[in-house]
Structure formats: structure tokens, C-alpha cells
Amino acid sequence: MTEELFREDSYLKSCTAKVVSAGPEGVVLDRTVFYPTGGGQPGDSGTMKTAAGEVAIVDTVKGEGGILHVLEEGAVLPPAGEAVEVTLDWDRRYKHMRTHTALHILCSVVDGGVTGGQIGALKGRLDFNIPGERPEKDALTAQLNEVIAGDHPISISWITDDELQANPDLVRTMSVKPPMGSGKVRMIRIGEDVDFQPCGGTHVRSTAEIGTVQVGKIENKGKQNRRINITLVE
């Protein structure tokens, strides 16, 4: 399987790697900084330097044999064993990181289970089952920006599968369960007590990096389900 360098350091922008396999569905490497589509976060894009030249990576997805780097149509596939260098479209990835961390903060201030979500470049949304009245947009915007301005550090840690099973309240997402079975689960902590939950995605190092957030539409998607859209203001 592919060594997932982004799990420990989301700020790595490039790496050298060896080709494990290559086919029309994509190129599997022994290690990568590219995040594959999952958990509402899009797969990374960027470039791959091979002996034949530089080609575009248009998407990154999970495959049975490892992480698949999907190359542009017509690209010459590198042979197994070849050394390559992959480099992220960092501007796009960093926007995903800022949005993802902002959504964790949204999750921490809204009282309700998360039933779905989507991360984009400077835009995102979460769906909540909210008992009672839906949040007021301006008040929620102010609350989010107050937390963001607190410049809280974001850190990565790991707990065991057994620890997560013993603390089910750590899981906020009702639709997507954290991956288990390897013996450990990746956790993201924001500040001392802002948020702490399982997550495999990429995040910024401090809430201040997110910038200003604006809550957009709060939509009714069911009897109790509310979709809250946010935008990061550039």
C-alpha cells in the first residue's frame, strides 16, 4: 500500500517516489503527498515528473493496490520501478485545508449530528440534524470568526480502535464512520477544547490561517436536517 505522507504533515508539497504499478486507471506509488478523494474532501491535483517528462495529475483516488494518481488523458505511463517526483497544486490544496478546518469549527459550535458534508476550495457545507430552531446566520458567522481569531493550534494524534469504541461521542459524523481495523485512528484536535474528533483529511496548523468566514444559506433538507453553507472571504 502507498505510504501516506500527508497523514503526518499536511504541508509537504512534493516528494520523490517509486512507481508500484501504472494503468489507465492511474499510477500507484510507494509513497505520496497527494490526498485521495474521501470524507467529503476532493482528491489532490498537481504534476508528476517522469523520465518521459512532466505530466498533469488531474485527480487522486483510492484504489485496491494503493492511492491512484490519475494522469491527464494521453499521458505516457511510467513503468513499475521508475523514480518519479510528484508536486501538489498547492494553492488548491491549501484552500481545501482552510475550508476543512473551518468545517470542524462549525461542527464544534452547532449542536447536532453531522449527516453529510462537502469540502471545496474556499467553500463548504455540513448537514446537521438539529433539534429545535435552526441557527441564526449572522450570530453563527460571528461565533465562527471569534473562534478562528483565537489562533488555536491544530494537532494530529492517534488513538486505538478500542479507545474510539469506548468513546463513541468523539464521532460526530453519522453518515461516514472513521476507518478502523488497522489498530489506530487518526484524530484532529483544535486548541485545548475547541474540537477533537477522528479525521483522515488535511488541515492548517492554526485557526488564524483560515481567515474570515461567512455563513451563507441555511437550508431545510428534512424535518430536522439543516444544510449550513460557508464561504471563506479572500
C-alpha atoms as a PDB file:
ATOM      1  CA  MET A   1       0.000   0.000   0.000  1.00  0.00           C
ATOM      2  CA  THR A   2       1.033   3.616  -0.513  1.00  0.00           C
ATOM      3  CA  GLU A   3       2.769   5.396   2.376  1.00  0.00           C
ATOM      4  CA  GLU A   4       0.516   8.387   3.083  1.00  0.00           C
ATOM      5  CA  LEU A   5       2.919  11.203   3.946  1.00  0.00           C
ATOM      6  CA  PHE A   6       0.104  13.762   4.235  1.00  0.00           C
ATOM      7  CA  ARG A   7      -1.288  11.973   7.304  1.00  0.00           C
ATOM      8  CA  GLU A   8       1.584  13.268   9.456  1.00  0.00           C
ATOM      9  CA  ASP A   9       2.390  16.512   7.627  1.00  0.00           C
ATOM     10  CA  SER A  10      -0.239  18.273   5.504  1.00  0.00           C
ATOM     11  CA  TYR A  11       2.307  20.922   4.456  1.00  0.00           C
ATOM     12  CA  LEU A  12       4.523  18.628   2.380  1.00  0.00           C
ATOM     13  CA  LYS A  13       4.183  19.923  -1.184  1.00  0.00           C
ATOM     14  CA  SER A  14       6.209  17.334  -3.108  1.00  0.00           C
ATOM     15  CA  CYS A  15       8.070  14.058  -2.757  1.00  0.00           C
ATOM     16  CA  THR A  16      10.071  11.521  -4.734  1.00  0.00           C
ATOM     17  CA  ALA A  17       8.632   8.033  -5.028  1.00  0.00           C
ATOM     18  CA  LYS A  18       8.846   4.778  -6.945  1.00  0.00           C
ATOM     19  CA  VAL A  19       6.145   3.534  -9.282  1.00  0.00           C
ATOM     20  CA  VAL A  20       4.443   0.395  -7.949  1.00  0.00           C
ATOM     21  CA  SER A  21       2.078  -0.019 -10.879  1.00  0.00           C
ATOM     22  CA  ALA A  22       0.578   2.028 -13.719  1.00  0.00           C
ATOM     23  CA  GLY A  23      -2.503   1.601 -15.862  1.00  0.00           C
ATOM     24  CA  PRO A  24      -5.364   3.529 -17.440  1.00  0.00           C
ATOM     25  CA  GLU A  25      -6.995   3.974 -14.032  1.00  0.00           C
ATOM     26  CA  GLY A  26      -3.912   5.688 -12.565  1.00  0.00           C
ATOM     27  CA  VAL A  27      -0.399   5.345 -11.164  1.00  0.00           C
ATOM     28  CA  VAL A  28       0.243   3.780  -7.751  1.00  0.00           C
ATOM     29  CA  LEU A  29       3.366   4.996  -5.933  1.00  0.00           C
ATOM     30  CA  ASP A  30       5.116   3.610  -2.872  1.00  0.00           C
ATOM     31  CA  ARG A  31       4.648   6.996  -1.107  1.00  0.00           C
ATOM     32  CA  THR A  32       2.805  10.233  -1.801  1.00  0.00           C
ATOM     33  CA  VAL A  33       1.814  13.684  -0.549  1.00  0.00           C
ATOM     34  CA  PHE A  34      -1.412  13.541  -2.607  1.00  0.00           C
ATOM     35  CA  TYR A  35      -4.676  13.172  -0.687  1.00  0.00           C
ATOM     36  CA  PRO A  36      -7.241  10.817  -2.322  1.00  0.00           C
ATOM     37  CA  THR A  37     -10.929  11.730  -2.524  1.00  0.00           C
ATOM     38  CA  GLY A  38     -12.665  10.821   0.725  1.00  0.00           C
ATOM     39  CA  GLY A  39     -14.562  12.167   3.708  1.00  0.00           C
ATOM     40  CA  GLY A  40     -16.033  14.972   1.620  1.00  0.00           C
ATOM     41  CA  GLN A  41     -12.588  16.289   0.649  1.00  0.00           C
ATOM     42  CA  PRO A  42     -11.657  16.264  -3.074  1.00  0.00           C
ATOM     43  CA  GLY A  43      -8.602  14.428  -4.301  1.00  0.00           C
ATOM     44  CA  ASP A  44      -5.478  16.482  -4.954  1.00  0.00           C
ATOM     45  CA  SER A  45      -4.192  17.550  -8.352  1.00  0.00           C
ATOM     46  CA  GLY A  46      -0.724  18.586  -9.498  1.00  0.00           C
ATOM     47  CA  THR A  47       2.132  17.207 -11.585  1.00  0.00           C
ATOM     48  CA  MET A  48       4.330  14.127 -11.936  1.00  0.00           C
ATOM     49  CA  LYS A  49       7.865  14.279 -13.329  1.00  0.00           C
ATOM     50  CA  THR A  50       8.889  11.067 -15.073  1.00  0.00           C
ATOM     51  CA  ALA A  51      11.732  10.055 -17.370  1.00  0.00           C
ATOM     52  CA  ALA A  52       9.427  10.913 -20.292  1.00  0.00           C
ATOM     53  CA  GLY A  53       8.697  14.425 -18.993  1.00  0.00           C
ATOM     54  CA  GLU A  54       6.183  16.221 -16.783  1.00  0.00           C
ATOM     55  CA  VAL A  55       2.508  15.233 -16.862  1.00  0.00           C
ATOM     56  CA  ALA A  56      -0.541  16.552 -15.042  1.00  0.00           C
ATOM     57  CA  ILE A  57      -2.212  14.641 -12.213  1.00  0.00           C
ATOM     58  CA  VAL A  58      -5.879  15.548 -12.635  1.00  0.00           C
ATOM     59  CA  ASP A  59      -7.268  13.629  -9.657  1.00  0.00           C
ATOM     60  CA  THR A  60      -6.286  11.314  -6.812  1.00  0.00           C
ATOM     61  CA  VAL A  61      -8.479   8.419  -5.661  1.00  0.00           C
ATOM     62  CA  LYS A  62      -8.268   5.294  -3.551  1.00  0.00           C
ATOM     63  CA  GLY A  63      -7.551   2.003  -5.302  1.00  0.00           C
ATOM     64  CA  GLU A  64      -7.274  -1.607  -4.217  1.00  0.00           C
ATOM     65  CA  GLY A  65      -3.488  -1.579  -4.539  1.00  0.00           C
ATOM     66  CA  GLY A  66      -2.883   1.875  -3.083  1.00  0.00           C
ATOM     67  CA  ILE A  67      -3.527   5.517  -3.922  1.00  0.00           C
ATOM     68  CA  LEU A  68      -4.160   6.120  -7.629  1.00  0.00           C
ATOM     69  CA  HIS A  69      -2.730   9.251  -9.244  1.00  0.00           C
ATOM     70  CA  VAL A  70      -4.956   9.832 -12.268  1.00  0.00           C
ATOM     71  CA  LEU A  71      -2.932  11.300 -15.144  1.00  0.00           C
ATOM     72  CA  GLU A  72      -4.107  13.577 -17.932  1.00  0.00           C
ATOM     73  CA  GLU A  73      -5.521  11.855 -20.986  1.00  0.00           C
ATOM     74  CA  GLY A  74      -2.822  10.611 -23.353  1.00  0.00           C
ATOM     75  CA  ALA A  75      -0.006  10.769 -20.797  1.00  0.00           C
ATOM     76  CA  VAL A  76       2.835   8.256 -21.163  1.00  0.00           C
ATOM     77  CA  LEU A  77       2.661   5.885 -18.201  1.00  0.00           C
ATOM     78  CA  PRO A  78       5.883   5.376 -16.219  1.00  0.00           C
ATOM     79  CA  PRO A  79       6.977   1.744 -15.813  1.00  0.00           C
ATOM     80  CA  ALA A  80       6.991  -0.030 -12.465  1.00  0.00           C
ATOM     81  CA  GLY A  81      10.156   0.712 -10.507  1.00  0.00           C
ATOM     82  CA  GLU A  82      10.802   4.119 -12.091  1.00  0.00           C
ATOM     83  CA  ALA A  83      11.614   7.004  -9.732  1.00  0.00           C
ATOM     84  CA  VAL A  84       9.277   9.980 -10.142  1.00  0.00           C
ATOM     85  CA  GLU A  85       8.605  13.286  -8.401  1.00  0.00           C
ATOM     86  CA  VAL A  86       5.071  14.441  -7.610  1.00  0.00           C
ATOM     87  CA  THR A  87       4.180  18.048  -6.750  1.00  0.00           C
ATOM     88  CA  LEU A  88       0.849  19.339  -5.476  1.00  0.00           C
ATOM     89  CA  ASP A  89      -1.227  22.158  -6.873  1.00  0.00           C
ATOM     90  CA  TRP A  90      -0.558  23.766  -3.520  1.00  0.00           C
ATOM     91  CA  ASP A  91      -2.905  26.734  -3.878  1.00  0.00           C
ATOM     92  CA  ARG A  92      -5.861  24.384  -4.402  1.00  0.00           C
ATOM     93  CA  ARG A  93      -4.831  22.010  -1.607  1.00  0.00           C
ATOM     94  CA  TYR A  94      -4.278  24.835   0.881  1.00  0.00           C
ATOM     95  CA  LYS A  95      -7.766  26.198   0.190  1.00  0.00           C
ATOM     96  CA  HIS A  96      -9.159  22.735   0.911  1.00  0.00           C
ATOM     97  CA  MET A  97      -7.201  22.659   4.180  1.00  0.00           C
ATOM     98  CA  ARG A  98      -8.566  26.033   5.288  1.00  0.00           C
ATOM     99  CA  THR A  99     -12.126  25.042   4.408  1.00  0.00           C
ATOM    100  CA  HIS A 100     -11.820  21.652   6.101  1.00  0.00           C
ATOM    101  CA  THR A 101     -10.609  23.156   9.374  1.00  0.00           C
ATOM    102  CA  ALA A 102     -13.374  25.792   9.235  1.00  0.00           C
ATOM    103  CA  LEU A 103     -15.938  22.995   8.922  1.00  0.00           C
ATOM    104  CA  HIS A 104     -14.536  21.299  12.034  1.00  0.00           C
ATOM    105  CA  ILE A 105     -15.091  24.553  13.912  1.00  0.00           C
ATOM    106  CA  LEU A 106     -18.625  24.756  12.516  1.00  0.00           C
ATOM    107  CA  CYS A 107     -19.148  21.195  13.743  1.00  0.00           C
ATOM    108  CA  SER A 108     -17.987  22.231  17.229  1.00  0.00           C
ATOM    109  CA  VAL A 109     -20.380  25.175  17.608  1.00  0.00           C
ATOM    110  CA  VAL A 110     -23.544  23.641  16.117  1.00  0.00           C
ATOM    111  CA  ASP A 111     -25.457  21.255  18.357  1.00  0.00           C
ATOM    112  CA  GLY A 112     -26.425  18.347  16.156  1.00  0.00           C
ATOM    113  CA  GLY A 113     -25.159  15.206  14.476  1.00  0.00           C
ATOM    114  CA  VAL A 114     -23.491  15.639  11.091  1.00  0.00           C
ATOM    115  CA  THR A 115     -25.321  13.760   8.334  1.00  0.00           C
ATOM    116  CA  GLY A 116     -23.221  14.875   5.351  1.00  0.00           C
ATOM    117  CA  GLY A 117     -20.762  17.419   4.078  1.00  0.00           C
ATOM    118  CA  GLN A 118     -18.638  18.671   1.228  1.00  0.00           C
ATOM    119  CA  ILE A 119     -15.295  20.488   1.121  1.00  0.00           C
ATOM    120  CA  GLY A 120     -14.344  22.818  -1.704  1.00  0.00           C
ATOM    121  CA  ALA A 121     -11.767  25.489  -2.448  1.00  0.00           C
ATOM    122  CA  LEU A 122     -12.942  28.267  -0.093  1.00  0.00           C
ATOM    123  CA  LYS A 123     -16.500  26.887   0.077  1.00  0.00           C
ATOM    124  CA  GLY A 124     -18.006  24.046   2.048  1.00  0.00           C
ATOM    125  CA  ARG A 125     -21.094  22.801   3.808  1.00  0.00           C
ATOM    126  CA  LEU A 126     -22.239  20.479   6.555  1.00  0.00           C
ATOM    127  CA  ASP A 127     -25.660  18.914   7.030  1.00  0.00           C
ATOM    128  CA  PHE A 128     -26.875  18.629  10.626  1.00  0.00           C
ATOM    129  CA  ASN A 129     -29.781  17.006  12.404  1.00  0.00           C
ATOM    130  CA  ILE A 130     -30.710  19.959  14.605  1.00  0.00           C
ATOM    131  CA  PRO A 131     -33.449  19.695  17.237  1.00  0.00           C
ATOM    132  CA  GLY A 132     -35.487  22.894  17.514  1.00  0.00           C
ATOM    133  CA  GLU A 133     -34.908  26.117  15.599  1.00  0.00           C
ATOM    134  CA  ARG A 134     -32.180  26.410  13.007  1.00  0.00           C
ATOM    135  CA  PRO A 135     -29.187  28.675  13.848  1.00  0.00           C
ATOM    136  CA  GLU A 136     -29.310  32.366  13.003  1.00  0.00           C
ATOM    137  CA  LYS A 137     -26.871  33.142  10.173  1.00  0.00           C
ATOM    138  CA  ASP A 138     -25.277  36.356  11.451  1.00  0.00           C
ATOM    139  CA  ALA A 139     -24.863  35.068  15.001  1.00  0.00           C
ATOM    140  CA  LEU A 140     -23.273  31.854  13.723  1.00  0.00           C
ATOM    141  CA  THR A 141     -20.903  33.824  11.470  1.00  0.00           C
ATOM    142  CA  ALA A 142     -19.774  35.922  14.436  1.00  0.00           C
ATOM    143  CA  GLN A 143     -19.298  32.827  16.599  1.00  0.00           C
ATOM    144  CA  LEU A 144     -17.166  31.086  13.971  1.00  0.00           C
ATOM    145  CA  ASN A 145     -14.950  34.122  13.388  1.00  0.00           C
ATOM    146  CA  GLU A 146     -14.437  34.584  17.110  1.00  0.00           C
ATOM    147  CA  VAL A 147     -13.069  31.038  17.392  1.00  0.00           C
ATOM    148  CA  ILE A 148     -10.930  31.471  14.262  1.00  0.00           C
ATOM    149  CA  ALA A 149      -9.423  34.719  15.568  1.00  0.00           C
ATOM    150  CA  GLY A 150      -8.349  32.871  18.716  1.00  0.00           C
ATOM    151  CA  ASP A 151      -5.392  31.447  16.741  1.00  0.00           C
ATOM    152  CA  HIS A 152      -5.861  27.962  18.189  1.00  0.00           C
ATOM    153  CA  PRO A 153      -3.253  25.359  17.181  1.00  0.00           C
ATOM    154  CA  ILE A 154      -4.323  22.245  15.258  1.00  0.00           C
ATOM    155  CA  SER A 155      -2.548  18.993  16.065  1.00  0.00           C
ATOM    156  CA  ILE A 156      -2.604  15.374  14.882  1.00  0.00           C
ATOM    157  CA  SER A 157      -2.653  12.420  17.263  1.00  0.00           C
ATOM    158  CA  TRP A 158      -3.683   8.785  17.236  1.00  0.00           C
ATOM    159  CA  ILE A 159      -5.873   6.635  19.469  1.00  0.00           C
ATOM    160  CA  THR A 160      -6.562   2.919  19.363  1.00  0.00           C
ATOM    161  CA  ASP A 161      -9.675   1.353  17.856  1.00  0.00           C
ATOM    162  CA  ASP A 162     -10.653   0.252  21.366  1.00  0.00           C
ATOM    163  CA  GLU A 163     -10.332   3.798  22.710  1.00  0.00           C
ATOM    164  CA  LEU A 164     -12.631   5.116  19.989  1.00  0.00           C
ATOM    165  CA  GLN A 165     -15.188   2.375  20.624  1.00  0.00           C
ATOM    166  CA  ALA A 166     -15.106   3.289  24.315  1.00  0.00           C
ATOM    167  CA  ASN A 167     -15.733   6.956  23.466  1.00  0.00           C
ATOM    168  CA  PRO A 168     -18.414   6.952  20.725  1.00  0.00           C
ATOM    169  CA  ASP A 169     -19.245  10.642  21.337  1.00  0.00           C
ATOM    170  CA  LEU A 170     -15.952  11.551  19.616  1.00  0.00           C
ATOM    171  CA  VAL A 171     -17.553  10.585  16.292  1.00  0.00           C
ATOM    172  CA  ARG A 172     -19.698  13.482  15.058  1.00  0.00           C
ATOM    173  CA  THR A 173     -20.426  12.214  11.543  1.00  0.00           C
ATOM    174  CA  MET A 174     -23.483   9.983  11.294  1.00  0.00           C
ATOM    175  CA  SER A 175     -23.051   9.182   7.586  1.00  0.00           C
ATOM    176  CA  VAL A 176     -19.308   8.414   7.442  1.00  0.00           C
ATOM    177  CA  LYS A 177     -17.590   6.331  10.102  1.00  0.00           C
ATOM    178  CA  PRO A 178     -13.841   6.730  10.711  1.00  0.00           C
ATOM    179  CA  PRO A 179     -11.699   3.948   9.244  1.00  0.00           C
ATOM    180  CA  MET A 180     -10.950   1.246  11.773  1.00  0.00           C
ATOM    181  CA  GLY A 181      -9.268  -2.109  11.659  1.00  0.00           C
ATOM    182  CA  SER A 182      -5.613  -1.040  11.474  1.00  0.00           C
ATOM    183  CA  GLY A 183      -5.448  -0.726  15.256  1.00  0.00           C
ATOM    184  CA  LYS A 184      -5.248   3.080  15.369  1.00  0.00           C
ATOM    185  CA  VAL A 185      -7.430   6.036  14.408  1.00  0.00           C
ATOM    186  CA  ARG A 186      -6.180   9.480  13.371  1.00  0.00           C
ATOM    187  CA  MET A 187      -7.519  12.353  15.490  1.00  0.00           C
ATOM    188  CA  ILE A 188      -7.550  16.104  14.852  1.00  0.00           C
ATOM    189  CA  ARG A 189      -7.504  18.452  17.849  1.00  0.00           C
ATOM    190  CA  ILE A 190      -8.240  22.185  17.632  1.00  0.00           C
ATOM    191  CA  GLY A 191      -6.941  24.120  20.633  1.00  0.00           C
ATOM    192  CA  GLU A 192      -7.369  22.745  24.128  1.00  0.00           C
ATOM    193  CA  ASP A 193     -11.134  22.339  23.983  1.00  0.00           C
ATOM    194  CA  VAL A 194     -12.473  23.668  20.645  1.00  0.00           C
ATOM    195  CA  ASP A 195     -12.788  20.332  18.841  1.00  0.00           C
ATOM    196  CA  PHE A 196     -11.414  16.793  18.968  1.00  0.00           C
ATOM    197  CA  GLN A 197     -12.642  14.155  16.513  1.00  0.00           C
ATOM    198  CA  PRO A 198     -11.488  11.422  14.122  1.00  0.00           C
ATOM    199  CA  CYS A 199     -10.462  12.695  10.686  1.00  0.00           C
ATOM    200  CA  GLY A 200      -8.237  11.493   7.867  1.00  0.00           C
ATOM    201  CA  GLY A 201      -8.157  14.791   5.954  1.00  0.00           C
ATOM    202  CA  THR A 202      -5.689  17.652   5.706  1.00  0.00           C
ATOM    203  CA  HIS A 203      -5.788  20.737   7.942  1.00  0.00           C
ATOM    204  CA  VAL A 204      -3.990  24.001   8.607  1.00  0.00           C
ATOM    205  CA  ARG A 205      -1.722  24.411  11.645  1.00  0.00           C
ATOM    206  CA  SER A 206      -3.684  27.235  13.276  1.00  0.00           C
ATOM    207  CA  THR A 207      -7.226  28.550  13.097  1.00  0.00           C
ATOM    208  CA  ALA A 208      -5.874  32.007  12.190  1.00  0.00           C
ATOM    209  CA  GLU A 209      -4.802  30.627   8.796  1.00  0.00           C
ATOM    210  CA  ILE A 210      -8.454  30.096   7.869  1.00  0.00           C
ATOM    211  CA  GLY A 211      -9.185  33.819   7.607  1.00  0.00           C
ATOM    212  CA  THR A 212     -12.672  35.309   7.739  1.00  0.00           C
ATOM    213  CA  VAL A 213     -15.658  33.000   7.254  1.00  0.00           C
ATOM    214  CA  GLN A 214     -19.145  33.943   6.109  1.00  0.00           C
ATOM    215  CA  VAL A 215     -22.149  31.699   6.722  1.00  0.00           C
ATOM    216  CA  GLY A 216     -24.314  31.557   3.604  1.00  0.00           C
ATOM    217  CA  LYS A 217     -27.612  29.773   3.115  1.00  0.00           C
ATOM    218  CA  ILE A 218     -29.021  27.628   5.909  1.00  0.00           C
ATOM    219  CA  GLU A 219     -31.304  25.262   4.033  1.00  0.00           C
ATOM    220  CA  ASN A 220     -34.038  22.919   5.222  1.00  0.00           C
ATOM    221  CA  LYS A 221     -33.287  19.403   3.954  1.00  0.00           C
ATOM    222  CA  GLY A 222     -35.763  17.498   6.113  1.00  0.00           C
ATOM    223  CA  LYS A 223     -37.798  17.698   9.290  1.00  0.00           C
ATOM    224  CA  GLN A 224     -34.717  18.340  11.405  1.00  0.00           C
ATOM    225  CA  ASN A 225     -31.958  18.361   8.792  1.00  0.00           C
ATOM    226  CA  ARG A 226     -30.294  21.701   8.093  1.00  0.00           C
ATOM    227  CA  ARG A 227     -27.605  22.369   5.481  1.00  0.00           C
ATOM    228  CA  ILE A 228     -25.206  25.134   6.542  1.00  0.00           C
ATOM    229  CA  ASN A 229     -23.063  26.621   3.783  1.00  0.00           C
ATOM    230  CA  ILE A 230     -19.904  28.614   4.486  1.00  0.00           C
ATOM    231  CA  THR A 231     -17.535  30.680   2.347  1.00  0.00           C
ATOM    232  CA  LEU A 232     -14.025  31.815   3.180  1.00  0.00           C
ATOM    233  CA  VAL A 233     -13.615  35.502   2.409  1.00  0.00           C
ATOM    234  CA  GLU A 234     -10.412  36.236   0.473  1.00  0.00           C
END
